[in-house]
PDB file of all heavy atoms in Angstrom:
ATOM      1  N   ILE A   1     -21.695  30.454  70.180  1.00  0.00           N
ATOM      2  CA  ILE A   1     -20.847  31.075  69.167  1.00  0.00           C
ATOM      3  C   ILE A   1     -21.730  31.561  68.024  1.00  0.00           C
ATOM      4  O   ILE A   1     -22.794  31.004  67.764  1.00  0.00           O
ATOM      5  CB  ILE A   1     -19.763  30.109  68.632  1.00  0.00           C
ATOM      6  CG1 ILE A   1     -20.404  28.882  67.973  1.00  0.00           C
ATOM      7  CG2 ILE A   1     -18.824  29.680  69.750  1.00  0.00           C
ATOM      8  CD1 ILE A   1     -19.394  27.950  67.286  1.00  0.00           C
ATOM      9  N   LYS A   2     -21.276  32.620  67.347  1.00  0.00           N
ATOM     10  CA  LYS A   2     -22.044  33.185  66.234  1.00  0.00           C
ATOM     11  C   LYS A   2     -21.085  33.664  65.160  1.00  0.00           C
ATOM     12  O   LYS A   2     -20.000  34.165  65.472  1.00  0.00           O
ATOM     13  CB  LYS A   2     -22.913  34.357  66.701  1.00  0.00           C
ATOM     14  CG  LYS A   2     -23.674  35.079  65.597  1.00  0.00           C
ATOM     15  CD  LYS A   2     -24.487  36.235  66.172  1.00  0.00           C
ATOM     16  CE  LYS A   2     -25.205  37.018  65.065  1.00  0.00           C
ATOM     17  NZ  LYS A   2     -24.267  37.842  64.270  1.00  0.00           N
ATOM     18  N   LYS A   3     -21.491  33.523  63.901  1.00  0.00           N
ATOM     19  CA  LYS A   3     -20.712  34.038  62.785  1.00  0.00           C
ATOM     20  C   LYS A   3     -21.641  34.673  61.764  1.00  0.00           C
ATOM     21  O   LYS A   3     -22.619  34.058  61.328  1.00  0.00           O
ATOM     22  CB  LYS A   3     -19.892  32.934  62.110  1.00  0.00           C
ATOM     23  CG  LYS A   3     -19.060  33.454  60.939  1.00  0.00           C
ATOM     24  CD  LYS A   3     -18.206  32.366  60.295  1.00  0.00           C
ATOM     25  CE  LYS A   3     -17.374  32.948  59.154  1.00  0.00           C
ATOM     26  NZ  LYS A   3     -16.499  31.928  58.520  1.00  0.00           N
ATOM     27  N   GLY A   4     -21.337  35.909  61.385  1.00  0.00           N
ATOM     28  CA  GLY A   4     -22.122  36.578  60.365  1.00  0.00           C
ATOM     29  C   GLY A   4     -23.561  36.802  60.785  1.00  0.00           C
ATOM     30  O   GLY A   4     -23.868  36.974  61.957  1.00  0.00           O
ATOM     31  N   THR A   5     -24.452  36.773  59.802  1.00  0.00           N
ATOM     32  CA  THR A   5     -25.864  37.067  60.058  1.00  0.00           C
ATOM     33  C   THR A   5     -26.754  35.841  60.107  1.00  0.00           C
ATOM     34  O   THR A   5     -27.953  35.964  60.334  1.00  0.00           O
ATOM     35  CB  THR A   5     -26.403  38.009  58.957  1.00  0.00           C
ATOM     36  OG1 THR A   5     -26.294  37.350  57.685  1.00  0.00           O
ATOM     37  CG2 THR A   5     -25.637  39.315  58.921  1.00  0.00           C
ATOM     38  N   ASP A   6     -26.176  34.635  59.916  1.00  0.00           N
ATOM     39  CA  ASP A   6     -27.057  33.465  59.803  1.00  0.00           C
ATOM     40  C   ASP A   6     -26.550  32.209  60.482  1.00  0.00           C
ATOM     41  O   ASP A   6     -27.145  31.142  60.335  1.00  0.00           O
ATOM     42  CB  ASP A   6     -27.314  33.152  58.323  1.00  0.00           C
ATOM     43  CG  ASP A   6     -26.032  32.776  57.578  1.00  0.00           C
ATOM     44  OD1 ASP A   6     -24.937  33.044  58.105  1.00  0.00           O
ATOM     45  OD2 ASP A   6     -26.136  32.220  56.465  1.00  0.00           O
ATOM     46  N   LYS A   7     -25.478  32.296  61.271  1.00  0.00           N
ATOM     47  CA  LYS A   7     -24.915  31.090  61.896  1.00  0.00           C
ATOM     48  C   LYS A   7     -24.785  31.287  63.405  1.00  0.00           C
ATOM     49  O   LYS A   7     -24.069  32.169  63.869  1.00  0.00           O
ATOM     50  CB  LYS A   7     -23.545  30.760  61.300  1.00  0.00           C
ATOM     51  CG  LYS A   7     -23.530  30.503  59.804  1.00  0.00           C
ATOM     52  CD  LYS A   7     -22.109  30.242  59.325  1.00  0.00           C
ATOM     53  CE  LYS A   7     -22.061  30.028  57.819  1.00  0.00           C
ATOM     54  NZ  LYS A   7     -22.400  31.290  57.093  1.00  0.00           N
ATOM     55  N   VAL A   8     -25.477  30.428  64.179  1.00  0.00           N
ATOM     56  CA  VAL A   8     -25.407  30.454  65.639  1.00  0.00           C
ATOM     57  C   VAL A   8     -25.435  29.025  66.155  1.00  0.00           C
ATOM     58  O   VAL A   8     -26.216  28.200  65.670  1.00  0.00           O
ATOM     59  CB  VAL A   8     -26.586  31.227  66.280  1.00  0.00           C
ATOM     60  CG1 VAL A   8     -26.364  31.400  67.776  1.00  0.00           C
ATOM     61  CG2 VAL A   8     -26.796  32.570  65.620  1.00  0.00           C
ATOM     62  N   ALA A   9     -24.591  28.718  67.140  1.00  0.00           N
ATOM     63  CA  ALA A   9     -24.600  27.391  67.761  1.00  0.00           C
ATOM     64  C   ALA A   9     -24.412  27.546  69.262  1.00  0.00           C
ATOM     65  O   ALA A   9     -23.718  28.460  69.724  1.00  0.00           O
ATOM     66  CB  ALA A   9     -23.491  26.513  67.185  1.00  0.00           C
ATOM     67  N   SER A  10     -25.033  26.670  70.030  1.00  0.00           N
ATOM     68  CA  SER A  10     -24.923  26.699  71.492  1.00  0.00           C
ATOM     69  C   SER A  10     -24.699  25.298  72.035  1.00  0.00           C
ATOM     70  O   SER A  10     -25.225  24.315  71.494  1.00  0.00           O
ATOM     71  CB  SER A  10     -26.184  27.297  72.136  1.00  0.00           C
ATOM     72  OG  SER A  10     -26.230  28.694  71.992  1.00  0.00           O
ATOM     73  N   LEU A  11     -23.943  25.230  73.129  1.00  0.00           N
ATOM     74  CA  LEU A  11     -23.673  23.973  73.819  1.00  0.00           C
ATOM     75  C   LEU A  11     -24.119  24.105  75.269  1.00  0.00           C
ATOM     76  O   LEU A  11     -23.779  25.081  75.942  1.00  0.00           O
ATOM     77  CB  LEU A  11     -22.168  23.666  73.768  1.00  0.00           C
ATOM     78  CG  LEU A  11     -21.681  22.485  74.600  1.00  0.00           C
ATOM     79  CD1 LEU A  11     -22.193  21.174  74.013  1.00  0.00           C
ATOM     80  CD2 LEU A  11     -20.153  22.483  74.680  1.00  0.00           C
ATOM     81  N   PHE A  12     -24.878  23.128  75.761  1.00  0.00           N
ATOM     82  CA  PHE A  12     -25.325  23.134  77.154  1.00  0.00           C
ATOM     83  C   PHE A  12     -24.199  22.613  78.049  1.00  0.00           C
ATOM     84  O   PHE A  12     -23.667  21.528  77.823  1.00  0.00           O
ATOM     85  CB  PHE A  12     -26.567  22.250  77.327  1.00  0.00           C
ATOM     86  CG  PHE A  12     -27.828  22.877  76.831  1.00  0.00           C
ATOM     87  CD1 PHE A  12     -28.117  22.918  75.471  1.00  0.00           C
ATOM     88  CD2 PHE A  12     -28.731  23.439  77.716  1.00  0.00           C
ATOM     89  CE1 PHE A  12     -29.281  23.497  75.001  1.00  0.00           C
ATOM     90  CE2 PHE A  12     -29.906  24.017  77.262  1.00  0.00           C
ATOM     91  CZ  PHE A  12     -30.179  24.051  75.896  1.00  0.00           C
ATOM     92  N   LEU A  13     -23.861  23.394  79.074  1.00  0.00           N
ATOM     93  CA  LEU A  13     -22.835  23.012  80.046  1.00  0.00           C
ATOM     94  C   LEU A  13     -23.446  22.562  81.373  1.00  0.00           C
ATOM     95  O   LEU A  13     -22.825  21.791  82.111  1.00  0.00           O
ATOM     96  CB  LEU A  13     -21.894  24.188  80.294  1.00  0.00           C
ATOM     97  CG  LEU A  13     -21.224  24.805  79.048  1.00  0.00           C
ATOM     98  CD1 LEU A  13     -20.367  25.992  79.460  1.00  0.00           C
ATOM     99  CD2 LEU A  13     -20.411  23.767  78.294  1.00  0.00           C
ATOM    100  N   ALA A  14     -24.625  23.030  81.682  1.00  0.00           N
ATOM    101  CA  ALA A  14     -25.327  22.679  82.922  1.00  0.00           C
ATOM    102  C   ALA A  14     -26.821  22.935  82.696  1.00  0.00           C
ATOM    103  O   ALA A  14     -27.195  23.748  81.838  1.00  0.00           O
ATOM    104  CB  ALA A  14     -24.802  23.502  84.091  1.00  0.00           C
ATOM    105  N   PRO A  15     -27.691  22.216  83.430  1.00  0.00           N
ATOM    106  CA  PRO A  15     -27.408  21.231  84.479  1.00  0.00           C
ATOM    107  C   PRO A  15     -26.880  19.912  83.910  1.00  0.00           C
ATOM    108  O   PRO A  15     -26.838  19.745  82.686  1.00  0.00           O
ATOM    109  CB  PRO A  15     -28.783  21.038  85.131  1.00  0.00           C
ATOM    110  CG  PRO A  15     -29.752  21.282  83.999  1.00  0.00           C
ATOM    111  CD  PRO A  15     -29.135  22.385  83.184  1.00  0.00           C
ATOM    112  N   ALA A  16     -26.525  19.012  84.796  1.00  0.00           N
ATOM    113  CA  ALA A  16     -25.939  17.739  84.377  1.00  0.00           C
ATOM    114  C   ALA A  16     -26.872  16.963  83.450  1.00  0.00           C
ATOM    115  O   ALA A  16     -26.415  16.273  82.527  1.00  0.00           O
ATOM    116  CB  ALA A  16     -25.591  16.897  85.603  1.00  0.00           C
ATOM    117  N   SER A  17     -28.184  17.079  83.671  1.00  0.00           N
ATOM    118  CA  SER A  17     -29.149  16.332  82.856  1.00  0.00           C
ATOM    119  C   SER A  17     -29.181  16.811  81.403  1.00  0.00           C
ATOM    120  O   SER A  17     -29.626  16.083  80.515  1.00  0.00           O
ATOM    121  CB  SER A  17     -30.553  16.471  83.455  1.00  0.00           C
ATOM    122  OG  SER A  17     -30.936  17.834  83.550  1.00  0.00           O
ATOM    123  N   ASP A  18     -28.697  18.032  81.157  1.00  0.00           N
ATOM    124  CA  ASP A  18     -28.705  18.586  79.800  1.00  0.00           C
ATOM    125  C   ASP A  18     -27.305  18.763  79.224  1.00  0.00           C
ATOM    126  O   ASP A  18     -27.167  19.157  78.062  1.00  0.00           O
ATOM    127  CB  ASP A  18     -29.402  19.951  79.799  1.00  0.00           C
ATOM    128  CG  ASP A  18     -30.877  19.853  80.100  1.00  0.00           C
ATOM    129  OD1 ASP A  18     -31.647  19.558  79.180  1.00  0.00           O
ATOM    130  OD2 ASP A  18     -31.267  20.068  81.265  1.00  0.00           O
ATOM    131  N   LYS A  19     -26.288  18.473  80.005  1.00  0.00           N
ATOM    132  CA  LYS A  19     -24.911  18.691  79.567  1.00  0.00           C
ATOM    133  C   LYS A  19     -24.618  17.917  78.279  1.00  0.00           C
ATOM    134  O   LYS A  19     -24.943  16.740  78.164  1.00  0.00           O
ATOM    135  CB  LYS A  19     -23.928  18.261  80.661  1.00  0.00           C
ATOM    136  CG  LYS A  19     -22.484  18.604  80.341  1.00  0.00           C
ATOM    137  CD  LYS A  19     -21.574  18.264  81.501  1.00  0.00           C
ATOM    138  CE  LYS A  19     -20.136  18.630  81.177  1.00  0.00           C
ATOM    139  NZ  LYS A  19     -19.227  18.324  82.311  1.00  0.00           N
ATOM    140  N   GLY A  20     -24.009  18.620  77.320  1.00  0.00           N
ATOM    141  CA  GLY A  20     -23.667  17.980  76.051  1.00  0.00           C
ATOM    142  C   GLY A  20     -24.687  18.179  74.953  1.00  0.00           C
ATOM    143  O   GLY A  20     -24.392  17.948  73.776  1.00  0.00           O
ATOM    144  N   ARG A  21     -25.899  18.609  75.311  1.00  0.00           N
ATOM    145  CA  ARG A  21     -26.870  18.933  74.267  1.00  0.00           C
ATOM    146  C   ARG A  21     -26.360  20.143  73.487  1.00  0.00           C
ATOM    147  O   ARG A  21     -25.695  21.022  74.039  1.00  0.00           O
ATOM    148  CB  ARG A  21     -28.240  19.271  74.863  1.00  0.00           C
ATOM    149  CG  ARG A  21     -29.004  18.076  75.387  1.00  0.00           C
ATOM    150  CD  ARG A  21     -30.503  18.361  75.435  1.00  0.00           C
ATOM    151  NE  ARG A  21     -30.843  19.480  76.302  1.00  0.00           N
ATOM    152  CZ  ARG A  21     -32.029  20.085  76.315  1.00  0.00           C
ATOM    153  NH1 ARG A  21     -32.983  19.690  75.488  1.00  0.00           N
ATOM    154  NH2 ARG A  21     -32.271  21.077  77.135  1.00  0.00           N
ATOM    155  N   SER A  22     -26.697  20.216  72.216  1.00  0.00           N
ATOM    156  CA  SER A  22     -26.268  21.359  71.421  1.00  0.00           C
ATOM    157  C   SER A  22     -27.363  21.746  70.438  1.00  0.00           C
ATOM    158  O   SER A  22     -28.205  20.922  70.058  1.00  0.00           O
ATOM    159  CB  SER A  22     -24.969  21.052  70.670  1.00  0.00           C
ATOM    160  OG  SER A  22     -25.114  19.913  69.839  1.00  0.00           O
ATOM    161  N   THR A  23     -27.350  23.015  70.060  1.00  0.00           N
ATOM    162  CA  THR A  23     -28.313  23.534  69.094  1.00  0.00           C
ATOM    163  C   THR A  23     -27.556  24.268  67.999  1.00  0.00           C
ATOM    164  O   THR A  23     -26.472  24.815  68.223  1.00  0.00           O
ATOM    165  CB  THR A  23     -29.312  24.500  69.759  1.00  0.00           C
ATOM    166  OG1 THR A  23     -28.593  25.503  70.487  1.00  0.00           O
ATOM    167  CG2 THR A  23     -30.244  23.760  70.705  1.00  0.00           C
ATOM    168  N   LEU A  24     -28.141  24.290  66.820  1.00  0.00           N
ATOM    169  CA  LEU A  24     -27.522  24.941  65.666  1.00  0.00           C
ATOM    170  C   LEU A  24     -28.603  25.673  64.884  1.00  0.00           C
ATOM    171  O   LEU A  24     -29.695  25.152  64.677  1.00  0.00           O
ATOM    172  CB  LEU A  24     -26.853  23.900  64.760  1.00  0.00           C
ATOM    173  CG  LEU A  24     -26.318  24.398  63.414  1.00  0.00           C
ATOM    174  CD1 LEU A  24     -25.144  25.352  63.611  1.00  0.00           C
ATOM    175  CD2 LEU A  24     -25.905  23.212  62.535  1.00  0.00           C
ATOM    176  N   ARG A  25     -28.266  26.899  64.472  1.00  0.00           N
ATOM    177  CA  ARG A  25     -29.165  27.646  63.602  1.00  0.00           C
ATOM    178  C   ARG A  25     -28.399  28.119  62.375  1.00  0.00           C
ATOM    179  O   ARG A  25     -27.348  28.762  62.490  1.00  0.00           O
ATOM    180  CB  ARG A  25     -29.761  28.856  64.319  1.00  0.00           C
ATOM    181  CG  ARG A  25     -30.724  29.645  63.436  1.00  0.00           C
ATOM    182  CD  ARG A  25     -31.435  30.749  64.187  1.00  0.00           C
ATOM    183  NE  ARG A  25     -32.436  31.388  63.324  1.00  0.00           N
ATOM    184  CZ  ARG A  25     -33.230  32.389  63.708  1.00  0.00           C
ATOM    185  NH1 ARG A  25     -33.149  32.857  64.945  1.00  0.00           N
ATOM    186  NH2 ARG A  25     -34.094  32.910  62.869  1.00  0.00           N
ATOM    187  N   LEU A  26     -28.939  27.784  61.219  1.00  0.00           N
ATOM    188  CA  LEU A  26     -28.419  28.265  59.941  1.00  0.00           C
ATOM    189  C   LEU A  26     -29.565  28.974  59.238  1.00  0.00           C
ATOM    190  O   LEU A  26     -30.447  28.317  58.671  1.00  0.00           O
ATOM    191  CB  LEU A  26     -27.884  27.116  59.086  1.00  0.00           C
ATOM    192  CG  LEU A  26     -26.700  26.323  59.658  1.00  0.00           C
ATOM    193  CD1 LEU A  26     -26.373  25.128  58.785  1.00  0.00           C
ATOM    194  CD2 LEU A  26     -25.476  27.225  59.806  1.00  0.00           C
ATOM    195  N   GLY A  27     -29.601  30.279  59.320  1.00  0.00           N
ATOM    196  CA  GLY A  27     -30.719  31.029  58.761  1.00  0.00           C
ATOM    197  C   GLY A  27     -32.019  30.664  59.453  1.00  0.00           C
ATOM    198  O   GLY A  27     -32.151  30.780  60.667  1.00  0.00           O
ATOM    199  N   ASP A  28     -32.993  30.171  58.688  1.00  0.00           N
ATOM    200  CA  ASP A  28     -34.294  29.812  59.254  1.00  0.00           C
ATOM    201  C   ASP A  28     -34.348  28.369  59.758  1.00  0.00           C
ATOM    202  O   ASP A  28     -35.377  27.938  60.279  1.00  0.00           O
ATOM    203  CB  ASP A  28     -35.391  29.992  58.187  1.00  0.00           C
ATOM    204  CG  ASP A  28     -35.496  31.432  57.715  1.00  0.00           C
ATOM    205  OD1 ASP A  28     -35.230  32.338  58.524  1.00  0.00           O
ATOM    206  OD2 ASP A  28     -35.818  31.646  56.527  1.00  0.00           O
ATOM    207  N   ASN A  29     -33.261  27.612  59.615  1.00  0.00           N
ATOM    208  CA  ASN A  29     -33.244  26.203  59.976  1.00  0.00           C
ATOM    209  C   ASN A  29     -32.559  25.991  61.323  1.00  0.00           C
ATOM    210  O   ASN A  29     -31.449  26.487  61.545  1.00  0.00           O
ATOM    211  CB  ASN A  29     -32.520  25.395  58.901  1.00  0.00           C
ATOM    212  CG  ASN A  29     -33.174  25.547  57.538  1.00  0.00           C
ATOM    213  OD1 ASN A  29     -34.351  25.238  57.368  1.00  0.00           O
ATOM    214  ND2 ASN A  29     -32.426  26.042  56.563  1.00  0.00           N
ATOM    215  N   LEU A  30     -33.217  25.233  62.217  1.00  0.00           N
ATOM    216  CA  LEU A  30     -32.706  24.994  63.563  1.00  0.00           C
ATOM    217  C   LEU A  30     -32.689  23.496  63.855  1.00  0.00           C
ATOM    218  O   LEU A  30     -33.604  22.764  63.448  1.00  0.00           O
ATOM    219  CB  LEU A  30     -33.563  25.709  64.620  1.00  0.00           C
ATOM    220  CG  LEU A  30     -33.586  27.236  64.607  1.00  0.00           C
ATOM    221  CD1 LEU A  30     -34.635  27.758  63.636  1.00  0.00           C
ATOM    222  CD2 LEU A  30     -33.872  27.776  66.016  1.00  0.00           C
ATOM    223  N   TRP A  31     -31.659  23.062  64.595  1.00  0.00           N
ATOM    224  CA  TRP A  31     -31.525  21.660  64.975  1.00  0.00           C
ATOM    225  C   TRP A  31     -31.141  21.539  66.447  1.00  0.00           C
ATOM    226  O   TRP A  31     -30.503  22.421  67.024  1.00  0.00           O
ATOM    227  CB  TRP A  31     -30.435  20.973  64.157  1.00  0.00           C
ATOM    228  CG  TRP A  31     -30.744  20.768  62.719  1.00  0.00           C
ATOM    229  CD1 TRP A  31     -31.343  19.693  62.128  1.00  0.00           C
ATOM    230  CD2 TRP A  31     -30.439  21.670  61.644  1.00  0.00           C
ATOM    231  NE1 TRP A  31     -31.432  19.867  60.774  1.00  0.00           N
ATOM    232  CE2 TRP A  31     -30.877  21.072  60.441  1.00  0.00           C
ATOM    233  CE3 TRP A  31     -29.812  22.931  61.591  1.00  0.00           C
ATOM    234  CZ2 TRP A  31     -30.731  21.683  59.216  1.00  0.00           C
ATOM    235  CZ3 TRP A  31     -29.672  23.550  60.365  1.00  0.00           C
ATOM    236  CH2 TRP A  31     -30.127  22.931  59.198  1.00  0.00           C
ATOM    237  N   LEU A  32     -31.522  20.409  67.026  1.00  0.00           N
ATOM    238  CA  LEU A  32     -31.134  20.035  68.384  1.00  0.00           C
ATOM    239  C   LEU A  32     -30.436  18.689  68.328  1.00  0.00           C
ATOM    240  O   LEU A  32     -30.935  17.756  67.683  1.00  0.00           O
ATOM    241  CB  LEU A  32     -32.373  19.939  69.292  1.00  0.00           C
ATOM    242  CG  LEU A  32     -32.165  19.285  70.669  1.00  0.00           C
ATOM    243  CD1 LEU A  32     -31.279  20.157  71.559  1.00  0.00           C
ATOM    244  CD2 LEU A  32     -33.514  19.025  71.338  1.00  0.00           C
ATOM    245  N   ASN A  33     -29.285  18.594  69.000  1.00  0.00           N
ATOM    246  CA  ASN A  33     -28.571  17.318  69.095  1.00  0.00           C
ATOM    247  C   ASN A  33     -28.508  16.889  70.559  1.00  0.00           C
ATOM    248  O   ASN A  33     -28.096  17.661  71.428  1.00  0.00           O
ATOM    249  CB  ASN A  33     -27.150  17.445  68.545  1.00  0.00           C
ATOM    250  CG  ASN A  33     -26.428  16.105  68.537  1.00  0.00           C
ATOM    251  OD1 ASN A  33     -26.721  15.234  67.740  1.00  0.00           O
ATOM    252  ND2 ASN A  33     -25.483  15.941  69.461  1.00  0.00           N
ATOM    253  N   ILE A  34     -28.943  15.664  70.821  1.00  0.00           N
ATOM    254  CA  ILE A  34     -28.899  15.097  72.167  1.00  0.00           C
ATOM    255  C   ILE A  34     -27.896  13.952  72.154  1.00  0.00           C
ATOM    256  O   ILE A  34     -28.021  13.033  71.334  1.00  0.00           O
ATOM    257  CB  ILE A  34     -30.290  14.588  72.606  1.00  0.00           C
ATOM    258  CG1 ILE A  34     -31.303  15.747  72.569  1.00  0.00           C
ATOM    259  CG2 ILE A  34     -30.225  13.978  74.001  1.00  0.00           C
ATOM    260  CD1 ILE A  34     -32.727  15.321  72.853  1.00  0.00           C
ATOM    261  N   PRO A  35     -26.894  13.995  73.033  1.00  0.00           N
ATOM    262  CA  PRO A  35     -25.849  12.963  73.017  1.00  0.00           C
ATOM    263  C   PRO A  35     -26.426  11.552  73.110  1.00  0.00           C
ATOM    264  O   PRO A  35     -27.369  11.296  73.865  1.00  0.00           O
ATOM    265  CB  PRO A  35     -25.009  13.300  74.255  1.00  0.00           C
ATOM    266  CG  PRO A  35     -25.236  14.754  74.486  1.00  0.00           C
ATOM    267  CD  PRO A  35     -26.661  15.004  74.075  1.00  0.00           C
ATOM    268  N   ASN A  36     -25.873  10.651  72.313  1.00  0.00           N
ATOM    269  CA  ASN A  36     -26.217   9.226  72.350  1.00  0.00           C
ATOM    270  C   ASN A  36     -27.664   8.911  71.978  1.00  0.00           C
ATOM    271  O   ASN A  36     -28.171   7.838  72.301  1.00  0.00           O
ATOM    272  CB  ASN A  36     -25.915   8.641  73.741  1.00  0.00           C
ATOM    273  CG  ASN A  36     -24.482   8.874  74.168  1.00  0.00           C
ATOM    274  OD1 ASN A  36     -23.557   8.725  73.369  1.00  0.00           O
ATOM    275  ND2 ASN A  36     -24.300   9.256  75.423  1.00  0.00           N
ATOM    276  N   VAL A  37     -28.328   9.853  71.320  1.00  0.00           N
ATOM    277  CA  VAL A  37     -29.711   9.619  70.924  1.00  0.00           C
ATOM    278  C   VAL A  37     -29.819   9.340  69.425  1.00  0.00           C
ATOM    279  O   VAL A  37     -30.697   8.618  68.972  1.00  0.00           O
ATOM    280  CB  VAL A  37     -30.603  10.826  71.304  1.00  0.00           C
ATOM    281  CG1 VAL A  37     -31.986  10.719  70.669  1.00  0.00           C
ATOM    282  CG2 VAL A  37     -30.732  10.923  72.822  1.00  0.00           C
ATOM    283  N   GLY A  38     -28.915   9.892  68.642  1.00  0.00           N
ATOM    284  CA  GLY A  38     -28.980   9.713  67.191  1.00  0.00           C
ATOM    285  C   GLY A  38     -28.599  10.998  66.502  1.00  0.00           C
ATOM    286  O   GLY A  38     -27.947  11.861  67.079  1.00  0.00           O
ATOM    287  N   LYS A  39     -29.004  11.139  65.260  1.00  0.00           N
ATOM    288  CA  LYS A  39     -28.646  12.340  64.521  1.00  0.00           C
ATOM    289  C   LYS A  39     -29.477  13.534  64.978  1.00  0.00           C
ATOM    290  O   LYS A  39     -30.549  13.370  65.580  1.00  0.00           O
ATOM    291  CB  LYS A  39     -28.823  12.101  63.027  1.00  0.00           C
ATOM    292  CG  LYS A  39     -30.248  11.828  62.587  1.00  0.00           C
ATOM    293  CD  LYS A  39     -30.296  11.575  61.087  1.00  0.00           C
ATOM    294  CE  LYS A  39     -31.743  11.348  60.627  1.00  0.00           C
ATOM    295  NZ  LYS A  39     -31.806  11.115  59.161  1.00  0.00           N
ATOM    296  N   PRO A  40     -29.012  14.758  64.720  1.00  0.00           N
ATOM    297  CA  PRO A  40     -29.758  15.963  65.133  1.00  0.00           C
ATOM    298  C   PRO A  40     -31.170  15.980  64.563  1.00  0.00           C
ATOM    299  O   PRO A  40     -31.419  15.489  63.457  1.00  0.00           O
ATOM    300  CB  PRO A  40     -28.911  17.100  64.559  1.00  0.00           C
ATOM    301  CG  PRO A  40     -27.537  16.534  64.433  1.00  0.00           C
ATOM    302  CD  PRO A  40     -27.726  15.086  64.071  1.00  0.00           C
ATOM    303  N   VAL A  41     -32.089  16.551  65.326  1.00  0.00           N
ATOM    304  CA  VAL A  41     -33.483  16.646  64.899  1.00  0.00           C
ATOM    305  C   VAL A  41     -33.839  18.106  64.661  1.00  0.00           C
ATOM    306  O   VAL A  41     -33.311  19.012  65.307  1.00  0.00           O
ATOM    307  CB  VAL A  41     -34.442  16.040  65.950  1.00  0.00           C
ATOM    308  CG1 VAL A  41     -34.188  14.566  66.106  1.00  0.00           C
ATOM    309  CG2 VAL A  41     -34.306  16.758  67.293  1.00  0.00           C
ATOM    310  N   ARG A  42     -34.740  18.323  63.721  1.00  0.00           N
ATOM    311  CA  ARG A  42     -35.184  19.675  63.417  1.00  0.00           C
ATOM    312  C   ARG A  42     -36.073  20.204  64.536  1.00  0.00           C
ATOM    313  O   ARG A  42     -36.908  19.465  65.092  1.00  0.00           O
ATOM    314  CB  ARG A  42     -35.949  19.699  62.094  1.00  0.00           C
ATOM    315  CG  ARG A  42     -35.112  19.381  60.871  1.00  0.00           C
ATOM    316  CD  ARG A  42     -34.151  20.501  60.526  1.00  0.00           C
ATOM    317  NE  ARG A  42     -34.818  21.686  60.050  1.00  0.00           N
ATOM    318  CZ  ARG A  42     -35.064  21.949  58.765  1.00  0.00           C
ATOM    319  NH1 ARG A  42     -34.686  21.088  57.832  1.00  0.00           N
ATOM    320  NH2 ARG A  42     -35.668  23.066  58.406  1.00  0.00           N
ATOM    321  N   ILE A  43     -35.926  21.469  64.851  1.00  0.00           N
ATOM    322  CA  ILE A  43     -36.785  22.144  65.817  1.00  0.00           C
ATOM    323  C   ILE A  43     -37.274  23.433  65.171  1.00  0.00           C
ATOM    324  O   ILE A  43     -36.751  23.860  64.141  1.00  0.00           O
ATOM    325  CB  ILE A  43     -36.049  22.435  67.141  1.00  0.00           C
ATOM    326  CG1 ILE A  43     -34.766  23.241  66.888  1.00  0.00           C
ATOM    327  CG2 ILE A  43     -35.753  21.139  67.886  1.00  0.00           C
ATOM    328  CD1 ILE A  43     -34.005  23.623  68.153  1.00  0.00           C
TER     329      ILE A  43
END
């Protein structure tokens, strides 16, 4: 999904080993979230 010029987010649907992972971009800042691992980490 995307909104405007600075907001983008993605959700992994497959493969099963990556399902549920998500990424977020707000301008120059990017994060990765891995289910059951903890809070999102900067990438």
